[in-house]
C-alpha atoms as a PDB file:
ATOM      1  CA  UNK A   1     -15.066 -50.656  43.739  1.00  0.00           C
ATOM      2  CA  UNK A   2     -17.699 -48.252  45.017  1.00  0.00           C
ATOM      3  CA  UNK A   3     -19.652 -45.926  42.721  1.00  0.00           C
ATOM      4  CA  UNK A   4     -21.076 -42.592  43.808  1.00  0.00           C
ATOM      5  CA  UNK A   5     -24.544 -43.088  42.310  1.00  0.00           C
ATOM      6  CA  UNK A   6     -25.863 -39.754  43.501  1.00  0.00           C
ATOM      7  CA  UNK A   7     -22.879 -37.934  41.949  1.00  0.00           C
ATOM      8  CA  UNK A   8     -23.349 -39.636  38.580  1.00  0.00           C
ATOM      9  CA  UNK A   9     -27.055 -38.843  38.583  1.00  0.00           C
ATOM     10  CA  UNK A  10     -26.352 -35.222  39.449  1.00  0.00           C
ATOM     11  CA  UNK A  11     -23.886 -34.881  36.535  1.00  0.00           C
ATOM     12  CA  UNK A  12     -26.367 -36.504  34.155  1.00  0.00           C
ATOM     13  CA  UNK A  13     -29.068 -34.111  35.317  1.00  0.00           C
ATOM     14  CA  UNK A  14     -26.821 -31.091  34.713  1.00  0.00           C
ATOM     15  CA  UNK A  15     -25.868 -32.339  31.230  1.00  0.00           C
ATOM     16  CA  UNK A  16     -29.507 -32.864  30.339  1.00  0.00           C
ATOM     17  CA  UNK A  17     -30.379 -29.411  31.631  1.00  0.00           C
ATOM     18  CA  UNK A  18     -27.590 -27.820  29.589  1.00  0.00           C
ATOM     19  CA  UNK A  19     -28.669 -29.645  26.433  1.00  0.00           C
ATOM     20  CA  UNK A  20     -32.258 -28.584  26.950  1.00  0.00           C
ATOM     21  CA  UNK A  21     -31.234 -24.957  27.487  1.00  0.00           C
ATOM     22  CA  UNK A  22     -29.082 -25.046  24.349  1.00  0.00           C
ATOM     23  CA  UNK A  23     -31.896 -26.504  22.261  1.00  0.00           C
ATOM     24  CA  UNK A  24     -34.280 -23.885  23.609  1.00  0.00           C
ATOM     25  CA  UNK A  25     -31.845 -21.097  22.715  1.00  0.00           C
ATOM     26  CA  UNK A  26     -31.437 -22.455  19.189  1.00  0.00           C
ATOM     27  CA  UNK A  27     -35.204 -22.724  18.834  1.00  0.00           C
ATOM     28  CA  UNK A  28     -35.748 -19.167  20.088  1.00  0.00           C
ATOM     29  CA  UNK A  29     -33.067 -17.774  17.741  1.00  0.00           C
ATOM     30  CA  UNK A  30     -34.453 -19.666  14.778  1.00  0.00           C
ATOM     31  CA  UNK A  31     -37.873 -18.181  15.518  1.00  0.00           C
ATOM     32  CA  UNK A  32     -36.600 -14.596  16.003  1.00  0.00           C
ATOM     33  CA  UNK A  33     -37.968 -11.873  13.710  1.00  0.00           C
ATOM     34  CA  UNK A  34     -34.521 -11.527  12.127  1.00  0.00           C
ATOM     35  CA  UNK A  35     -34.301 -15.237  11.301  1.00  0.00           C
ATOM     36  CA  UNK A  36     -37.837 -15.176   9.959  1.00  0.00           C
ATOM     37  CA  UNK A  37     -36.903 -12.252   7.723  1.00  0.00           C
ATOM     38  CA  UNK A  38     -33.883 -14.114   6.381  1.00  0.00           C
ATOM     39  CA  UNK A  39     -36.034 -17.073   5.395  1.00  0.00           C
ATOM     40  CA  UNK A  40     -39.012 -15.065   4.189  1.00  0.00           C
ATOM     41  CA  UNK A  41     -39.818 -13.819   0.683  1.00  0.00           C
ATOM     42  CA  UNK A  42     -41.629 -10.848   2.213  1.00  0.00           C
ATOM     43  CA  UNK A  43     -39.603  -7.787   1.180  1.00  0.00           C
ATOM     44  CA  UNK A  44     -41.429  -5.538   3.646  1.00  0.00           C
ATOM     45  CA  UNK A  45     -40.396  -7.820   6.508  1.00  0.00           C
ATOM     46  CA  UNK A  46     -36.813  -7.923   5.265  1.00  0.00           C
ATOM     47  CA  UNK A  47     -36.713  -4.130   4.994  1.00  0.00           C
ATOM     48  CA  UNK A  48     -38.139  -3.705   8.497  1.00  0.00           C
ATOM     49  CA  UNK A  49     -35.568  -6.015  10.055  1.00  0.00           C
ATOM     50  CA  UNK A  50     -32.648  -4.699   7.984  1.00  0.00           C
ATOM     51  CA  UNK A  51     -33.511  -1.130   8.998  1.00  0.00           C
ATOM     52  CA  UNK A  52     -33.763  -2.141  12.645  1.00  0.00           C
ATOM     53  CA  UNK A  53     -30.362  -3.866  12.584  1.00  0.00           C
ATOM     54  CA  UNK A  54     -28.824  -0.910  10.739  1.00  0.00           C
ATOM     55  CA  UNK A  55     -30.144   1.603  13.300  1.00  0.00           C
ATOM     56  CA  UNK A  56     -28.712  -0.516  16.126  1.00  0.00           C
ATOM     57  CA  UNK A  57     -25.299  -0.622  14.434  1.00  0.00           C
ATOM     58  CA  UNK A  58     -25.523  -4.343  13.692  1.00  0.00           C
ATOM     59  CA  UNK A  59     -24.296  -3.826  10.171  1.00  0.00           C
ATOM     60  CA  UNK A  60     -23.228  -7.369   9.337  1.00  0.00           C
ATOM     61  CA  UNK A  61     -26.707  -8.658  10.076  1.00  0.00           C
ATOM     62  CA  UNK A  62     -28.221  -5.807   8.101  1.00  0.00           C
ATOM     63  CA  UNK A  63     -25.926  -6.633   5.171  1.00  0.00           C
ATOM     64  CA  UNK A  64     -27.239 -10.215   4.984  1.00  0.00           C
ATOM     65  CA  UNK A  65     -30.753  -8.865   4.451  1.00  0.00           C
ATOM     66  CA  UNK A  66     -29.671  -6.053   2.112  1.00  0.00           C
ATOM     67  CA  UNK A  67     -27.852  -8.580  -0.061  1.00  0.00           C
ATOM     68  CA  UNK A  68     -31.065 -10.578  -0.369  1.00  0.00           C
ATOM     69  CA  UNK A  69     -33.118  -7.485  -1.197  1.00  0.00           C
ATOM     70  CA  UNK A  70     -30.787  -5.591  -3.542  1.00  0.00           C
ATOM     71  CA  UNK A  71     -31.273  -7.578  -6.776  1.00  0.00           C
ATOM     72  CA  UNK A  72     -35.012  -6.925  -6.927  1.00  0.00           C
ATOM     73  CA  UNK A  73     -35.579  -3.835  -4.791  1.00  0.00           C
ATOM     74  CA  UNK A  74     -34.802  -1.018  -7.240  1.00  0.00           C
ATOM     75  CA  UNK A  75     -37.902   0.954  -8.161  1.00  0.00           C
ATOM     76  CA  UNK A  76     -39.671   0.322  -4.873  1.00  0.00           C
ATOM     77  CA  UNK A  77     -40.746   3.311  -2.709  1.00  0.00           C
ATOM     78  CA  UNK A  78     -38.033   2.806  -0.090  1.00  0.00           C
ATOM     79  CA  UNK A  79     -35.323   1.654  -2.492  1.00  0.00           C
ATOM     80  CA  UNK A  80     -33.264   4.845  -2.262  1.00  0.00           C
ATOM     81  CA  UNK A  81     -32.987   4.619   1.520  1.00  0.00           C
ATOM     82  CA  UNK A  82     -32.314   0.877   1.359  1.00  0.00           C
ATOM     83  CA  UNK A  83     -29.410   1.223  -1.091  1.00  0.00           C
ATOM     84  CA  UNK A  84     -27.952   4.080   0.938  1.00  0.00           C
ATOM     85  CA  UNK A  85     -28.048   1.980   4.130  1.00  0.00           C
ATOM     86  CA  UNK A  86     -26.595  -0.945   2.193  1.00  0.00           C
ATOM     87  CA  UNK A  87     -23.603   1.138   1.062  1.00  0.00           C
ATOM     88  CA  UNK A  88     -23.153   2.612   4.540  1.00  0.00           C
ATOM     89  CA  UNK A  89     -23.214  -0.851   6.109  1.00  0.00           C
ATOM     90  CA  UNK A  90     -20.307  -1.951   3.931  1.00  0.00           C
ATOM     91  CA  UNK A  91     -18.496   1.288   4.740  1.00  0.00           C
ATOM     92  CA  UNK A  92     -19.050   0.955   8.491  1.00  0.00           C
ATOM     93  CA  UNK A  93     -17.665  -2.595   8.405  1.00  0.00           C
ATOM     94  CA  UNK A  94     -14.608  -1.446   6.400  1.00  0.00           C
ATOM     95  CA  UNK A  95     -15.497  -3.461   3.306  1.00  0.00           C
ATOM     96  CA  UNK A  96     -14.292  -0.614   1.130  1.00  0.00           C
ATOM     97  CA  UNK A  97     -14.333  -2.248  -2.306  1.00  0.00           C
ATOM     98  CA  UNK A  98     -17.966  -3.240  -1.847  1.00  0.00           C
ATOM     99  CA  UNK A  99     -18.840   0.097  -0.244  1.00  0.00           C
ATOM    100  CA  UNK A 100     -17.290   2.024  -3.143  1.00  0.00           C
ATOM    101  CA  UNK A 101     -19.271  -0.027  -5.634  1.00  0.00           C
ATOM    102  CA  UNK A 102     -22.545   0.506  -3.754  1.00  0.00           C
ATOM    103  CA  UNK A 103     -21.989   4.249  -3.261  1.00  0.00           C
ATOM    104  CA  UNK A 104     -21.179   4.673  -6.955  1.00  0.00           C
ATOM    105  CA  UNK A 105     -24.267   2.653  -7.916  1.00  0.00           C
ATOM    106  CA  UNK A 106     -26.341   4.798  -5.571  1.00  0.00           C
ATOM    107  CA  UNK A 107     -24.955   8.035  -7.067  1.00  0.00           C
ATOM    108  CA  UNK A 108     -25.675   6.903 -10.629  1.00  0.00           C
ATOM    109  CA  UNK A 109     -29.069   5.441  -9.757  1.00  0.00           C
ATOM    110  CA  UNK A 110     -30.325   8.408  -7.733  1.00  0.00           C
ATOM    111  CA  UNK A 111     -28.787  11.556  -9.272  1.00  0.00           C
ATOM    112  CA  UNK A 112     -31.394  13.794  -7.601  1.00  0.00           C
ATOM    113  CA  UNK A 113     -31.001  12.332  -4.132  1.00  0.00           C
ATOM    114  CA  UNK A 114     -30.203  14.620  -1.214  1.00  0.00           C
ATOM    115  CA  UNK A 115     -27.534  12.034  -0.367  1.00  0.00           C
ATOM    116  CA  UNK A 116     -25.840  12.333  -3.767  1.00  0.00           C
ATOM    117  CA  UNK A 117     -22.981  14.561  -2.619  1.00  0.00           C
ATOM    118  CA  UNK A 118     -22.259  12.452   0.455  1.00  0.00           C
ATOM    119  CA  UNK A 119     -22.421   9.195  -1.501  1.00  0.00           C
ATOM    120  CA  UNK A 120     -20.112  10.570  -4.211  1.00  0.00           C
ATOM    121  CA  UNK A 121     -17.590  11.660  -1.591  1.00  0.00           C
ATOM    122  CA  UNK A 122     -17.690   8.399   0.329  1.00  0.00           C
ATOM    123  CA  UNK A 123     -17.291   6.396  -2.876  1.00  0.00           C
ATOM    124  CA  UNK A 124     -14.072   8.306  -3.584  1.00  0.00           C
ATOM    125  CA  UNK A 125     -12.970   8.100   0.055  1.00  0.00           C
ATOM    126  CA  UNK A 126     -13.317   4.317  -0.015  1.00  0.00           C
ATOM    127  CA  UNK A 127     -10.540   4.119  -2.595  1.00  0.00           C
ATOM    128  CA  UNK A 128      -8.313   6.269  -0.393  1.00  0.00           C
ATOM    129  CA  UNK A 129      -8.942   3.855   2.472  1.00  0.00           C
ATOM    130  CA  UNK A 130      -7.723   1.047   0.200  1.00  0.00           C
ATOM    131  CA  UNK A 131      -4.508   2.887  -0.633  1.00  0.00           C
ATOM    132  CA  UNK A 132      -1.601   0.786   0.739  1.00  0.00           C
ATOM    133  CA  UNK A 133       1.751   1.844   2.193  1.00  0.00           C
ATOM    134  CA  UNK A 134       4.001   3.578  -0.337  1.00  0.00           C
ATOM    135  CA  UNK A 135       6.236   0.525  -0.852  1.00  0.00           C
ATOM    136  CA  UNK A 136       3.380  -1.505  -2.396  1.00  0.00           C
ATOM    137  CA  UNK A 137       1.609  -1.166  -5.742  1.00  0.00           C
ATOM    138  CA  UNK A 138      -0.210   2.180  -5.861  1.00  0.00           C
ATOM    139  CA  UNK A 139      -3.032   1.331  -8.275  1.00  0.00           C
ATOM    140  CA  UNK A 140      -5.697   2.097  -5.667  1.00  0.00           C
ATOM    141  CA  UNK A 141      -3.902   5.321  -4.731  1.00  0.00           C
ATOM    142  CA  UNK A 142      -4.019   6.614  -8.309  1.00  0.00           C
ATOM    143  CA  UNK A 143      -7.658   5.571  -8.551  1.00  0.00           C
ATOM    144  CA  UNK A 144      -8.453   7.373  -5.286  1.00  0.00           C
ATOM    145  CA  UNK A 145      -6.795  10.572  -6.533  1.00  0.00           C
ATOM    146  CA  UNK A 146      -8.792  10.414  -9.772  1.00  0.00           C
ATOM    147  CA  UNK A 147     -12.068   9.783  -7.915  1.00  0.00           C
ATOM    148  CA  UNK A 148     -11.462  12.521  -5.358  1.00  0.00           C
ATOM    149  CA  UNK A 149     -10.437  15.010  -8.036  1.00  0.00           C
ATOM    150  CA  UNK A 150     -13.623  14.209  -9.966  1.00  0.00           C
ATOM    151  CA  UNK A 151     -15.599  14.854  -6.776  1.00  0.00           C
ATOM    152  CA  UNK A 152     -13.783  18.175  -6.188  1.00  0.00           C
ATOM    153  CA  UNK A 153     -14.510  19.269  -9.750  1.00  0.00           C
ATOM    154  CA  UNK A 154     -18.181  18.290  -9.515  1.00  0.00           C
ATOM    155  CA  UNK A 155     -18.899  19.675  -6.036  1.00  0.00           C
ATOM    156  CA  UNK A 156     -16.590  22.694  -5.617  1.00  0.00           C
ATOM    157  CA  UNK A 157     -18.666  24.106  -2.744  1.00  0.00           C
ATOM    158  CA  UNK A 158     -19.102  20.837  -0.880  1.00  0.00           C
ATOM    159  CA  UNK A 159     -18.835  20.629   2.895  1.00  0.00           C
ATOM    160  CA  UNK A 160     -16.505  17.690   2.261  1.00  0.00           C
ATOM    161  CA  UNK A 161     -14.046  19.840   0.273  1.00  0.00           C
ATOM    162  CA  UNK A 162     -11.491  20.344   3.110  1.00  0.00           C
ATOM    163  CA  UNK A 163     -11.257  16.605   3.735  1.00  0.00           C
ATOM    164  CA  UNK A 164     -11.164  15.825   0.020  1.00  0.00           C
ATOM    165  CA  UNK A 165      -8.313  18.274  -0.599  1.00  0.00           C
ATOM    166  CA  UNK A 166      -6.402  17.042   2.453  1.00  0.00           C
ATOM    167  CA  UNK A 167      -6.753  13.429   1.336  1.00  0.00           C
ATOM    168  CA  UNK A 168      -5.619  14.185  -2.224  1.00  0.00           C
ATOM    169  CA  UNK A 169      -2.549  15.978  -0.833  1.00  0.00           C
ATOM    170  CA  UNK A 170      -1.675  12.995   1.369  1.00  0.00           C
ATOM    171  CA  UNK A 171      -2.134  10.534  -1.489  1.00  0.00           C
ATOM    172  CA  UNK A 172       0.031  12.594  -3.836  1.00  0.00           C
ATOM    173  CA  UNK A 173       2.735  12.768  -1.182  1.00  0.00           C
ATOM    174  CA  UNK A 174       2.593   8.984  -0.947  1.00  0.00           C
ATOM    175  CA  UNK A 175       3.075   8.665  -4.715  1.00  0.00           C
ATOM    176  CA  UNK A 176       5.937  11.168  -4.515  1.00  0.00           C
ATOM    177  CA  UNK A 177       7.662   9.108  -1.818  1.00  0.00           C
ATOM    178  CA  UNK A 178       7.126   5.951  -3.878  1.00  0.00           C
ATOM    179  CA  UNK A 179       8.826   7.514  -6.933  1.00  0.00           C
ATOM    180  CA  UNK A 180      11.686   8.812  -4.789  1.00  0.00           C
ATOM    181  CA  UNK A 181      12.265   5.472  -3.087  1.00  0.00           C
ATOM    182  CA  UNK A 182      12.209   3.701  -6.453  1.00  0.00           C
ATOM    183  CA  UNK A 183      14.989   6.008  -7.659  1.00  0.00           C
ATOM    184  CA  UNK A 184      16.994   5.301  -4.493  1.00  0.00           C
ATOM    185  CA  UNK A 185      16.457   1.614  -5.114  1.00  0.00           C
ATOM    186  CA  UNK A 186      18.386   1.806  -8.397  1.00  0.00           C
ATOM    187  CA  UNK A 187      21.271   3.453  -6.563  1.00  0.00           C
ATOM    188  CA  UNK A 188      21.152   0.814  -3.861  1.00  0.00           C
ATOM    189  CA  UNK A 189      21.495  -2.060  -6.359  1.00  0.00           C
ATOM    190  CA  UNK A 190      24.284  -0.220  -8.209  1.00  0.00           C
ATOM    191  CA  UNK A 191      22.247   0.386 -11.360  1.00  0.00           C
ATOM    192  CA  UNK A 192      23.623   3.906 -11.624  1.00  0.00           C
ATOM    193  CA  UNK A 193      22.460   4.641 -15.162  1.00  0.00           C
ATOM    194  CA  UNK A 194      18.851   3.897 -14.227  1.00  0.00           C
ATOM    195  CA  UNK A 195      19.275   5.832 -10.977  1.00  0.00           C
ATOM    196  CA  UNK A 196      20.382   8.949 -12.874  1.00  0.00           C
ATOM    197  CA  UNK A 197      17.384   8.769 -15.195  1.00  0.00           C
ATOM    198  CA  UNK A 198      15.017   8.147 -12.262  1.00  0.00           C
ATOM    199  CA  UNK A 199      16.402  11.051 -10.205  1.00  0.00           C
ATOM    200  CA  UNK A 200      16.307  13.418 -13.192  1.00  0.00           C
ATOM    201  CA  UNK A 201      12.647  12.513 -13.771  1.00  0.00           C
ATOM    202  CA  UNK A 202      11.828  12.821 -10.085  1.00  0.00           C
ATOM    203  CA  UNK A 203      13.418  16.261  -9.709  1.00  0.00           C
ATOM    204  CA  UNK A 204      11.687  17.428 -12.901  1.00  0.00           C
ATOM    205  CA  UNK A 205       8.265  16.061 -11.914  1.00  0.00           C
ATOM    206  CA  UNK A 206       8.427  17.194  -8.274  1.00  0.00           C
ATOM    207  CA  UNK A 207      10.376  20.495  -8.244  1.00  0.00           C
ATOM    208  CA  UNK A 208       9.087  21.476  -4.804  1.00  0.00           C
ATOM    209  CA  UNK A 209       9.626  18.094  -3.189  1.00  0.00           C
ATOM    210  CA  UNK A 210      10.869  17.931   0.414  1.00  0.00           C
ATOM    211  CA  UNK A 211      13.181  15.152  -0.787  1.00  0.00           C
ATOM    212  CA  UNK A 212      15.062  17.412  -3.220  1.00  0.00           C
ATOM    213  CA  UNK A 213      18.262  17.732  -1.181  1.00  0.00           C
ATOM    214  CA  UNK A 214      18.460  13.986  -0.714  1.00  0.00           C
ATOM    215  CA  UNK A 215      17.587  13.371  -4.362  1.00  0.00           C
ATOM    216  CA  UNK A 216      20.381  15.711  -5.524  1.00  0.00           C
ATOM    217  CA  UNK A 217      22.827  13.966  -3.222  1.00  0.00           C
ATOM    218  CA  UNK A 218      21.942  10.481  -4.459  1.00  0.00           C
ATOM    219  CA  UNK A 219      22.057  11.767  -8.013  1.00  0.00           C
ATOM    220  CA  UNK A 220      25.617  12.936  -7.329  1.00  0.00           C
ATOM    221  CA  UNK A 221      26.457   9.625  -5.691  1.00  0.00           C
ATOM    222  CA  UNK A 222      25.104   7.724  -8.723  1.00  0.00           C
ATOM    223  CA  UNK A 223      26.973   9.946 -11.201  1.00  0.00           C
ATOM    224  CA  UNK A 224      30.179   9.631  -9.181  1.00  0.00           C
ATOM    225  CA  UNK A 225      30.052   5.851  -8.887  1.00  0.00           C
ATOM    226  CA  UNK A 226      29.119   5.460 -12.547  1.00  0.00           C
ATOM    227  CA  UNK A 227      32.115   7.622 -13.476  1.00  0.00           C
ATOM    228  CA  UNK A 228      34.793   5.951 -11.338  1.00  0.00           C
ATOM    229  CA  UNK A 229      33.649   2.518 -12.518  1.00  0.00           C
ATOM    230  CA  UNK A 230      33.567   3.473 -16.197  1.00  0.00           C
ATOM    231  CA  UNK A 231      35.657   2.178 -19.050  1.00  0.00           C
ATOM    232  CA  UNK A 232      38.422   4.662 -19.936  1.00  0.00           C
ATOM    233  CA  UNK A 233      36.652   5.867 -23.101  1.00  0.00           C
ATOM    234  CA  UNK A 234      33.664   7.155 -21.111  1.00  0.00           C
ATOM    235  CA  UNK A 235      35.321   8.163 -17.861  1.00  0.00           C
ATOM    236  CA  UNK A 236      36.172  11.799 -18.599  1.00  0.00           C
ATOM    237  CA  UNK A 237      32.646  12.674 -19.728  1.00  0.00           C
ATOM    238  CA  UNK A 238      31.119  10.933 -16.754  1.00  0.00           C
ATOM    239  CA  UNK A 239      33.508  12.577 -14.292  1.00  0.00           C
ATOM    240  CA  UNK A 240      32.491  15.968 -15.656  1.00  0.00           C
ATOM    241  CA  UNK A 241      28.827  15.008 -15.327  1.00  0.00           C
ATOM    242  CA  UNK A 242      29.465  14.036 -11.713  1.00  0.00           C
ATOM    243  CA  UNK A 243      31.148  17.402 -11.124  1.00  0.00           C
ATOM    244  CA  UNK A 244      28.041  19.137 -12.476  1.00  0.00           C
ATOM    245  CA  UNK A 245      25.892  17.016 -10.138  1.00  0.00           C
ATOM    246  CA  UNK A 246      28.024  18.223  -7.214  1.00  0.00           C
ATOM    247  CA  UNK A 247      27.529  21.838  -8.284  1.00  0.00           C
ATOM    248  CA  UNK A 248      23.736  21.401  -8.448  1.00  0.00           C
ATOM    249  CA  UNK A 249      23.641  20.022  -4.919  1.00  0.00           C
ATOM    250  CA  UNK A 250      25.718  22.891  -3.524  1.00  0.00           C
ATOM    251  CA  UNK A 251      23.738  25.435  -5.547  1.00  0.00           C
ATOM    252  CA  UNK A 252      20.512  24.110  -4.021  1.00  0.00           C
ATOM    253  CA  UNK A 253      21.879  24.077  -0.483  1.00  0.00           C
ATOM    254  CA  UNK A 254      25.401  25.247   0.248  1.00  0.00           C
ATOM    255  CA  UNK A 255      25.350  23.889   3.808  1.00  0.00           C
ATOM    256  CA  UNK A 256      23.808  20.558   2.869  1.00  0.00           C
ATOM    257  CA  UNK A 257      24.033  17.821   5.455  1.00  0.00           C
ATOM    258  CA  UNK A 258      25.796  15.773   2.786  1.00  0.00           C
ATOM    259  CA  UNK A 259      28.593  18.367   2.367  1.00  0.00           C
ATOM    260  CA  UNK A 260      31.373  16.229   3.826  1.00  0.00           C
ATOM    261  CA  UNK A 261      30.618  13.191   1.629  1.00  0.00           C
ATOM    262  CA  UNK A 262      30.038  15.378  -1.413  1.00  0.00           C
ATOM    263  CA  UNK A 263      33.385  17.151  -0.919  1.00  0.00           C
ATOM    264  CA  UNK A 264      35.189  13.804  -0.738  1.00  0.00           C
ATOM    265  CA  UNK A 265      33.590  12.788  -4.040  1.00  0.00           C
ATOM    266  CA  UNK A 266      34.556  16.096  -5.634  1.00  0.00           C
ATOM    267  CA  UNK A 267      38.188  15.679  -4.518  1.00  0.00           C
ATOM    268  CA  UNK A 268      38.334  12.253  -6.171  1.00  0.00           C
ATOM    269  CA  UNK A 269      36.602  13.587  -9.319  1.00  0.00           C
ATOM    270  CA  UNK A 270      39.069  16.465  -9.688  1.00  0.00           C
ATOM    271  CA  UNK A 271      42.013  14.179  -9.012  1.00  0.00           C
ATOM    272  CA  UNK A 272      40.878  11.725 -11.699  1.00  0.00           C
ATOM    273  CA  UNK A 273      40.224  14.536 -14.177  1.00  0.00           C
ATOM    274  CA  UNK A 274      43.827  15.747 -13.955  1.00  0.00           C
ATOM    275  CA  UNK A 275      44.987  12.930 -16.204  1.00  0.00           C
ATOM    276  CA  UNK A 276      42.865  14.389 -19.012  1.00  0.00           C
ATOM    277  CA  UNK A 277      44.282  17.919 -18.642  1.00  0.00           C
ATOM    278  CA  UNK A 278      47.875  17.066 -19.471  1.00  0.00           C
END
C-alpha cells in the first residue's frame, strides 16, 4: 500500500493553521474592550461599553453589562440615562415583561425626567404587546387596559395619546370577542341554560357590539333548544321565552341573515304551544 506523504502533510498543515487561527480569534475576542468590561469592576468602563453597544443596536450585549451595573448604579451621575437605555434594550429585544418592569422602575425613580412620559407609555405598551389571542387567558390584556388608561388619565395631552387610545380600543374589542365566544361555547356544548345567562350578560354589557345580531340569534337558538328538550312541566314557559327571543332578533334586524333558521324555529315553537291553548 502506498501513502501520499505530501498529501497527509498538507492536510496536517491546514489543520494546524486552522487551529492557530481559531485560538488567535478566541484570544482577540477575550481581550476586546467589551470582554474586558464584562470582567472588570470598573463601572465607568462598563458604562462606556454598554453605551457603545446600545448606540450600535447590539442590545443583547448591552443588556449583559446593564444587568451587571443596575444593582449598584442608582444615584450615580449617569444613572438616569443608564436605566433608560436598560429598559429600551429589553423593549428593543421584545423582552416585554422585563422592559415593563424597567420602564416602571424608571418612571418611579425619576419622576422629573424628561423621559417620564415616554417611559410611562412604553411601560403600559409592553403589557399590550404581551396580550395574547382572544382565545387564551386575558390577564395581560386587562392589565394593559388598566395601565394604558392610567397613562391616558395622567398625560391627557401626550403625543402618545392617539396610539394609547387606539390600543385600548383594540384590547377592549379583544375582550369583547372573548366574552362573546365564551357564550357561544356554552351553546356549542349544549349547556343552554348557561348560554342564555352568558348571552344576556354579553348583550347588556356590550349594547353596541358588532356581534349583537349573532348574539341574539344564538340566544334564540339556546332558548329554543332548551325549550324543546324540556320536561313537560317547564316546556310551555320555555317555549314562550324562546318566542320572545325570536321577537328580539327580528326587532333588532328584520332582514337578519338568520331569518330562515329563525322562522323554522318559530314555526316549531308555535306548533308546540298549540297543545297548551286547548
